[in-house]
C-alpha atoms as a PDB file:
ATOM      1  CA  MET A   1     -12.698  12.981  78.416  1.00  0.00           C
ATOM      2  CA  GLU A   2      -9.274  12.028  79.669  1.00  0.00           C
ATOM      3  CA  GLY A   3      -9.933   9.903  82.074  1.00  0.00           C
ATOM      4  CA  LEU A   4     -13.215   9.534  81.612  1.00  0.00           C
ATOM      5  CA  HIS A   5     -14.239   5.571  80.533  1.00  0.00           C
ATOM      6  CA  TYR A   6     -17.160   4.101  79.314  1.00  0.00           C
ATOM      7  CA  ASN A   7     -18.454   2.826  83.115  1.00  0.00           C
ATOM      8  CA  THR A   8     -18.045   5.947  84.760  1.00  0.00           C
ATOM      9  CA  LEU A   9     -20.774   6.973  86.788  1.00  0.00           C
ATOM     10  CA  VAL A  10     -21.902  10.719  86.391  1.00  0.00           C
ATOM     11  CA  PRO A  11     -23.707  12.048  88.820  1.00  0.00           C
ATOM     12  CA  PHE A  12     -27.229  13.816  87.324  1.00  0.00           C
ATOM     13  CA  SER A  13     -29.461  15.825  88.784  1.00  0.00           C
ATOM     14  CA  PHE A  14     -33.324  16.570  87.125  1.00  0.00           C
ATOM     15  CA  GLN A  15     -32.305  20.010  89.568  1.00  0.00           C
ATOM     16  CA  ASP A  16     -28.881  21.176  87.038  1.00  0.00           C
ATOM     17  CA  HIS A  17     -31.774  21.587  84.013  1.00  0.00           C
ATOM     18  CA  ASN A  18     -34.739  23.241  84.073  1.00  0.00           C
ATOM     19  CA  THR A  19     -36.957  20.303  83.222  1.00  0.00           C
ATOM     20  CA  SER A  20     -40.463  18.946  84.701  1.00  0.00           C
ATOM     21  CA  LEU A  21     -42.193  16.026  85.380  1.00  0.00           C
ATOM     22  CA  SER A  22     -45.250  17.729  86.109  1.00  0.00           C
ATOM     23  CA  LYS A  23     -45.187  20.206  82.940  1.00  0.00           C
ATOM     24  CA  THR A  24     -45.069  17.454  80.620  1.00  0.00           C
ATOM     25  CA  PRO A  25     -48.555  17.175  78.298  1.00  0.00           C
ATOM     26  CA  LYS A  26     -51.666  15.633  78.681  1.00  0.00           C
ATOM     27  CA  GLU A  27     -52.444  15.243  75.734  1.00  0.00           C
ATOM     28  CA  LYS A  28     -50.451  13.240  72.759  1.00  0.00           C
ATOM     29  CA  PRO A  29     -49.273  16.234  70.638  1.00  0.00           C
ATOM     30  CA  LEU A  30     -49.248  14.043  67.334  1.00  0.00           C
ATOM     31  CA  LEU A  31     -52.051  13.802  67.130  1.00  0.00           C
ATOM     32  CA  LYS A  32     -52.513  17.384  66.872  1.00  0.00           C
ATOM     33  CA  ASP A  33     -50.925  17.842  63.611  1.00  0.00           C
ATOM     34  CA  PRO A  34     -53.469  16.762  60.216  1.00  0.00           C
ATOM     35  CA  ILE A  35     -51.484  15.381  58.629  1.00  0.00           C
ATOM     36  CA  LEU A  36     -50.268  12.325  60.937  1.00  0.00           C
ATOM     37  CA  VAL A  37     -53.626  11.279  61.165  1.00  0.00           C
ATOM     38  CA  PRO A  38     -55.925   9.946  57.974  1.00  0.00           C
ATOM     39  CA  LYS A  39     -58.144  10.693  55.486  1.00  0.00           C
ATOM     40  CA  GLN A  40     -59.921   9.246  52.808  1.00  0.00           C
ATOM     41  CA  GLY A  41     -58.502  10.391  49.459  1.00  0.00           C
ATOM     42  CA  MET A  42     -55.270  10.225  50.709  1.00  0.00           C
ATOM     43  CA  HIS A  43     -52.096   8.296  48.666  1.00  0.00           C
ATOM     44  CA  PHE A  44     -49.404   6.385  48.915  1.00  0.00           C
ATOM     45  CA  GLU A  45     -47.055   4.250  46.357  1.00  0.00           C
ATOM     46  CA  SER A  46     -47.721   1.038  47.885  1.00  0.00           C
ATOM     47  CA  PRO A  47     -49.410  -1.278  50.048  1.00  0.00           C
ATOM     48  CA  GLU A  48     -46.546  -1.736  52.362  1.00  0.00           C
ATOM     49  CA  GLU A  49     -46.445   2.515  53.186  1.00  0.00           C
ATOM     50  CA  ALA A  50     -49.977   2.760  53.881  1.00  0.00           C
ATOM     51  CA  TYR A  51     -49.478  -0.250  56.024  1.00  0.00           C
ATOM     52  CA  GLU A  52     -46.633   2.052  57.720  1.00  0.00           C
ATOM     53  CA  PHE A  53     -48.460   4.657  58.132  1.00  0.00           C
ATOM     54  CA  TYR A  54     -51.560   3.390  60.029  1.00  0.00           C
ATOM     55  CA  LEU A  55     -49.723   0.642  61.964  1.00  0.00           C
ATOM     56  CA  SER A  56     -47.614   4.692  63.625  1.00  0.00           C
ATOM     57  CA  TYR A  57     -51.058   5.872  63.552  1.00  0.00           C
ATOM     58  CA  GLY A  58     -52.160   3.089  65.888  1.00  0.00           C
ATOM     59  CA  TYR A  59     -49.644   3.097  67.778  1.00  0.00           C
ATOM     60  CA  ARG A  60     -49.649   7.153  68.232  1.00  0.00           C
ATOM     61  CA  THR A  61     -53.733   6.232  69.216  1.00  0.00           C
ATOM     62  CA  GLY A  62     -53.065   3.164  71.998  1.00  0.00           C
ATOM     63  CA  PHE A  63     -54.116   0.162  69.216  1.00  0.00           C
ATOM     64  CA  GLY A  64     -51.926  -1.979  67.092  1.00  0.00           C
ATOM     65  CA  VAL A  65     -52.978  -3.283  63.399  1.00  0.00           C
ATOM     66  CA  SER A  66     -53.158  -6.398  61.429  1.00  0.00           C
ATOM     67  CA  LYS A  67     -53.486  -6.671  57.795  1.00  0.00           C
ATOM     68  CA  ARG A  68     -57.225  -8.713  57.704  1.00  0.00           C
ATOM     69  CA  SER A  69     -57.527  -9.143  53.697  1.00  0.00           C
ATOM     70  CA  CYS A  70     -54.953  -7.941  50.313  1.00  0.00           C
ATOM     71  CA  HIS A  71     -56.813  -8.811  47.265  1.00  0.00           C
ATOM     72  CA  THR A  72     -55.547  -9.615  44.020  1.00  0.00           C
ATOM     73  CA  VAL A  73     -56.268 -10.595  40.497  1.00  0.00           C
ATOM     74  CA  ASP A  74     -53.599 -12.361  38.499  1.00  0.00           C
ATOM     75  CA  GLY A  75     -51.131 -12.213  41.308  1.00  0.00           C
ATOM     76  CA  ILE A  76     -51.483  -8.619  41.736  1.00  0.00           C
ATOM     77  CA  LYS A  77     -52.751  -6.787  44.269  1.00  0.00           C
ATOM     78  CA  TYR A  78     -56.086  -4.019  44.317  1.00  0.00           C
ATOM     79  CA  ARG A  79     -56.747  -3.886  47.626  1.00  0.00           C
ATOM     80  CA  ALA A  80     -55.394  -3.920  51.019  1.00  0.00           C
ATOM     81  CA  THR A  81     -57.138  -3.764  54.489  1.00  0.00           C
ATOM     82  CA  PHE A  82     -56.040  -2.970  57.603  1.00  0.00           C
ATOM     83  CA  VAL A  83     -57.598  -3.255  60.995  1.00  0.00           C
ATOM     84  CA  CYS A  84     -57.754  -3.136  64.493  1.00  0.00           C
ATOM     85  CA  TYR A  85     -55.908  -5.733  66.234  1.00  0.00           C
ATOM     86  CA  LYS A  86     -58.851  -6.490  68.636  1.00  0.00           C
ATOM     87  CA  GLY A  87     -60.547  -6.762  65.375  1.00  0.00           C
ATOM     88  CA  GLY A  88     -63.553  -9.258  64.610  1.00  0.00           C
ATOM     89  CA  LYS A  89     -65.538 -11.518  67.398  1.00  0.00           C
ATOM     90  CA  PRO A  90     -64.122 -14.079  69.263  1.00  0.00           C
ATOM     91  CA  ARG A  91     -64.496 -17.461  67.408  1.00  0.00           C
ATOM     92  CA  ILE A  92     -66.941 -19.588  70.375  1.00  0.00           C
ATOM     93  CA  LYS A  93     -67.673 -22.933  69.595  1.00  0.00           C
ATOM     94  CA  PRO A  94     -70.158 -24.717  71.507  1.00  0.00           C
ATOM     95  CA  GLY A  95     -68.995 -26.991  74.410  1.00  0.00           C
ATOM     96  CA  LEU A  96     -65.999 -26.172  74.117  1.00  0.00           C
ATOM     97  CA  LYS A  97     -64.040 -24.284  76.837  1.00  0.00           C
ATOM     98  CA  ALA A  98     -62.434 -20.953  75.578  1.00  0.00           C
ATOM     99  CA  ARG A  99     -59.089 -20.484  76.242  1.00  0.00           C
ATOM    100  CA  ARG A 100     -58.035 -17.138  77.781  1.00  0.00           C
ATOM    101  CA  ARG A 101     -55.382 -15.473  75.893  1.00  0.00           C
ATOM    102  CA  LEU A 102     -53.884 -12.211  75.555  1.00  0.00           C
ATOM    103  CA  VAL A 103     -55.865 -10.366  73.389  1.00  0.00           C
ATOM    104  CA  ALA A 104     -59.159 -10.526  73.457  1.00  0.00           C
ATOM    105  CA  LYS A 105     -61.019  -9.437  70.205  1.00  0.00           C
ATOM    106  CA  THR A 106     -63.370  -6.814  71.066  1.00  0.00           C
ATOM    107  CA  ASP A 107     -65.415  -6.252  67.375  1.00  0.00           C
ATOM    108  CA  CYS A 108     -63.144  -2.949  66.868  1.00  0.00           C
ATOM    109  CA  LYS A 109     -64.300  -1.595  63.523  1.00  0.00           C
ATOM    110  CA  ALA A 110     -60.800   0.228  63.913  1.00  0.00           C
ATOM    111  CA  MET A 111     -60.407  -0.158  60.056  1.00  0.00           C
ATOM    112  CA  MET A 112     -58.325   1.735  56.454  1.00  0.00           C
ATOM    113  CA  VAL A 113     -59.277   0.235  53.468  1.00  0.00           C
ATOM    114  CA  VAL A 114     -56.522   1.261  50.401  1.00  0.00           C
ATOM    115  CA  LYS A 115     -57.489   0.519  46.796  1.00  0.00           C
ATOM    116  CA  TYR A 116     -55.285   0.933  43.885  1.00  0.00           C
ATOM    117  CA  ASN A 117     -55.391   3.915  41.307  1.00  0.00           C
ATOM    118  CA  SER A 118     -55.092   2.571  38.334  1.00  0.00           C
ATOM    119  CA  LEU A 119     -55.269   6.821  36.906  1.00  0.00           C
ATOM    120  CA  GLN A 120     -53.495   7.834  39.387  1.00  0.00           C
ATOM    121  CA  SER A 121     -50.623   4.563  39.524  1.00  0.00           C
ATOM    122  CA  ASN A 122     -50.941   5.153  43.206  1.00  0.00           C
ATOM    123  CA  TRP A 123     -52.832   3.118  45.930  1.00  0.00           C
ATOM    124  CA  GLU A 124     -55.062   5.038  48.016  1.00  0.00           C
ATOM    125  CA  VAL A 125     -57.342   5.165  50.867  1.00  0.00           C
ATOM    126  CA  VAL A 126     -60.994   3.925  49.485  1.00  0.00           C
ATOM    127  CA  PHE A 127     -62.734   3.570  53.293  1.00  0.00           C
ATOM    128  CA  LEU A 128     -61.888   5.332  56.915  1.00  0.00           C
ATOM    129  CA  GLU A 129     -63.144   3.858  60.601  1.00  0.00           C
ATOM    130  CA  LEU A 130     -60.976   5.907  63.077  1.00  0.00           C
ATOM    131  CA  GLU A 131     -63.325   4.757  66.229  1.00  0.00           C
ATOM    132  CA  HIS A 132     -61.546   2.761  68.369  1.00  0.00           C
ATOM    133  CA  ASN A 133     -63.283   0.919  71.261  1.00  0.00           C
ATOM    134  CA  ILE A 134     -60.697   0.269  73.695  1.00  0.00           C
END
């Protein structure tokens, strides 16, 4: 590659490759894999691992994820709740003008709750709602 520098332009054409933009699939292929969809009874090593999994699921299906709560006893976590970032209802105080926000609450019910299973020393999905409203 002598004579080529990092700022050298190389001509490229889609005709040179057997690629067509019209052949791209309409569905998201990752969602066909049942392993990538959360299920009640799934196990994780930590609540952070469960959060990362639900976060990636939300990304693939088109919604953001927030940590709603994390319950503790004597400083030790035993339950964590992850929800759609549009979950809940907007707080509107009577008599005050509502601020315009980029993200409006739509009372989305999508959530995943994980609880520590002391018998198996892991975190288990104990409640799951996959239905997401836009």
